[in-house]
Amino acid sequence: MEYELTELGRTLLTPIDAFGAWAFEHGDEVMEAQERYTRER
């Protein structure tokens, strides 16, 4: 079986790519914030 995105689904590719780039760029900061939150609870 072969799957493909619909036209509507393809409209999500740009925002998903942008989110992925943001996560890659800020991943260390997010992890540090999570660790700090866990320590301070």
N, C-alpha and C. Protein backbone atom coordinates (compact mmCIF):
# COMPACT_ATOMS: atom_id res chain seq x y z
N MET A 1 0.83 -1.16 0.00
CA MET A 1 0.00 0.00 0.00
C MET A 1 0.88 1.23 0.00
N GLU A 2 0.50 2.23 -0.70
CA GLU A 2 1.26 3.48 -0.78
C GLU A 2 0.41 4.62 -0.24
N TYR A 3 1.04 5.47 0.56
CA TYR A 3 0.35 6.60 1.15
C TYR A 3 0.96 7.89 0.62
N GLU A 4 0.15 8.93 0.57
CA GLU A 4 0.66 10.26 0.23
C GLU A 4 -0.21 11.29 0.91
N LEU A 5 0.35 12.47 1.10
CA LEU A 5 -0.40 13.55 1.71
C LEU A 5 -1.41 14.13 0.72
N THR A 6 -2.51 14.56 1.27
CA THR A 6 -3.49 15.28 0.46
C THR A 6 -2.99 16.70 0.24
N GLU A 7 -3.67 17.44 -0.59
CA GLU A 7 -3.31 18.84 -0.81
C GLU A 7 -3.39 19.60 0.52
N LEU A 8 -4.42 19.33 1.29
CA LEU A 8 -4.57 19.98 2.60
C LEU A 8 -3.42 19.58 3.52
N GLY A 9 -3.09 18.31 3.54
CA GLY A 9 -1.99 17.85 4.37
C GLY A 9 -0.67 18.49 3.99
N ARG A 10 -0.45 18.69 2.71
CA ARG A 10 0.80 19.32 2.24
C ARG A 10 0.92 20.75 2.74
N THR A 11 -0.20 21.40 3.06
CA THR A 11 -0.12 22.77 3.58
C THR A 11 0.52 22.81 4.96
N LEU A 12 0.61 21.66 5.62
CA LEU A 12 1.25 21.61 6.94
C LEU A 12 2.76 21.48 6.86
N LEU A 13 3.31 21.17 5.71
CA LEU A 13 4.75 20.93 5.62
C LEU A 13 5.57 22.15 6.01
N THR A 14 5.19 23.32 5.56
CA THR A 14 5.96 24.53 5.89
C THR A 14 5.94 24.82 7.39
N PRO A 15 4.76 24.82 8.06
CA PRO A 15 4.79 25.06 9.50
C PRO A 15 5.51 23.97 10.28
N ILE A 16 5.40 22.72 9.84
CA ILE A 16 6.09 21.63 10.53
C ILE A 16 7.60 21.79 10.37
N ASP A 17 8.05 22.15 9.19
CA ASP A 17 9.48 22.40 8.98
C ASP A 17 9.96 23.55 9.86
N ALA A 18 9.16 24.61 9.97
CA ALA A 18 9.53 25.76 10.79
C ALA A 18 9.63 25.36 12.26
N PHE A 19 8.68 24.55 12.73
CA PHE A 19 8.72 24.08 14.11
C PHE A 19 9.95 23.22 14.35
N GLY A 20 10.26 22.35 13.42
CA GLY A 20 11.44 21.51 13.54
C GLY A 20 12.72 22.33 13.61
N ALA A 21 12.81 23.36 12.77
CA ALA A 21 14.00 24.23 12.79
C ALA A 21 14.10 24.96 14.12
N TRP A 22 12.94 25.44 14.64
CA TRP A 22 12.94 26.13 15.93
C TRP A 22 13.39 25.17 17.03
N ALA A 23 12.86 23.96 17.03
CA ALA A 23 13.21 22.98 18.05
C ALA A 23 14.70 22.63 18.00
N PHE A 24 15.23 22.50 16.80
CA PHE A 24 16.66 22.20 16.66
C PHE A 24 17.49 23.36 17.19
N GLU A 25 17.08 24.58 16.88
CA GLU A 25 17.83 25.77 17.30
C GLU A 25 17.75 25.99 18.80
N HIS A 26 16.62 25.69 19.41
CA HIS A 26 16.39 26.01 20.82
C HIS A 26 16.32 24.78 21.73
N GLY A 27 16.66 23.63 21.21
CA GLY A 27 16.53 22.39 21.98
C GLY A 27 17.29 22.41 23.29
N ASP A 28 18.52 22.90 23.27
CA ASP A 28 19.31 22.94 24.51
C ASP A 28 18.66 23.84 25.55
N GLU A 29 18.14 24.97 25.10
CA GLU A 29 17.47 25.90 26.03
C GLU A 29 16.22 25.26 26.63
N VAL A 30 15.48 24.53 25.83
CA VAL A 30 14.27 23.86 26.32
C VAL A 30 14.64 22.81 27.35
N MET A 31 15.66 22.02 27.06
CA MET A 31 16.09 20.99 28.00
C MET A 31 16.56 21.62 29.32
N GLU A 32 17.32 22.70 29.24
CA GLU A 32 17.78 23.38 30.45
C GLU A 32 16.60 23.90 31.26
N ALA A 33 15.62 24.47 30.60
CA ALA A 33 14.43 24.97 31.30
C ALA A 33 13.66 23.83 31.96
N GLN A 34 13.55 22.70 31.28
CA GLN A 34 12.86 21.55 31.87
C GLN A 34 13.60 21.04 33.09
N GLU A 35 14.92 20.95 32.99
CA GLU A 35 15.72 20.48 34.12
C GLU A 35 15.62 21.45 35.30
N ARG A 36 15.67 22.74 35.02
CA ARG A 36 15.56 23.76 36.07
C ARG A 36 14.18 23.66 36.75
N TYR A 37 13.15 23.50 35.96
CA TYR A 37 11.80 23.36 36.51
C TYR A 37 11.70 22.13 37.42
N THR A 38 12.26 21.01 36.96
CA THR A 38 12.22 19.78 37.74
C THR A 38 12.97 19.95 39.06
N ARG A 39 14.13 20.59 39.02
CA ARG A 39 14.91 20.81 40.24
C ARG A 39 14.18 21.69 41.24
N GLU A 40 13.47 22.69 40.74
CA GLU A 40 12.85 23.69 41.60
C GLU A 40 11.47 23.30 42.10
N ARG A 41 10.97 22.16 41.67
CA ARG A 41 9.64 21.73 42.11
C ARG A 41 9.65 21.27 43.51
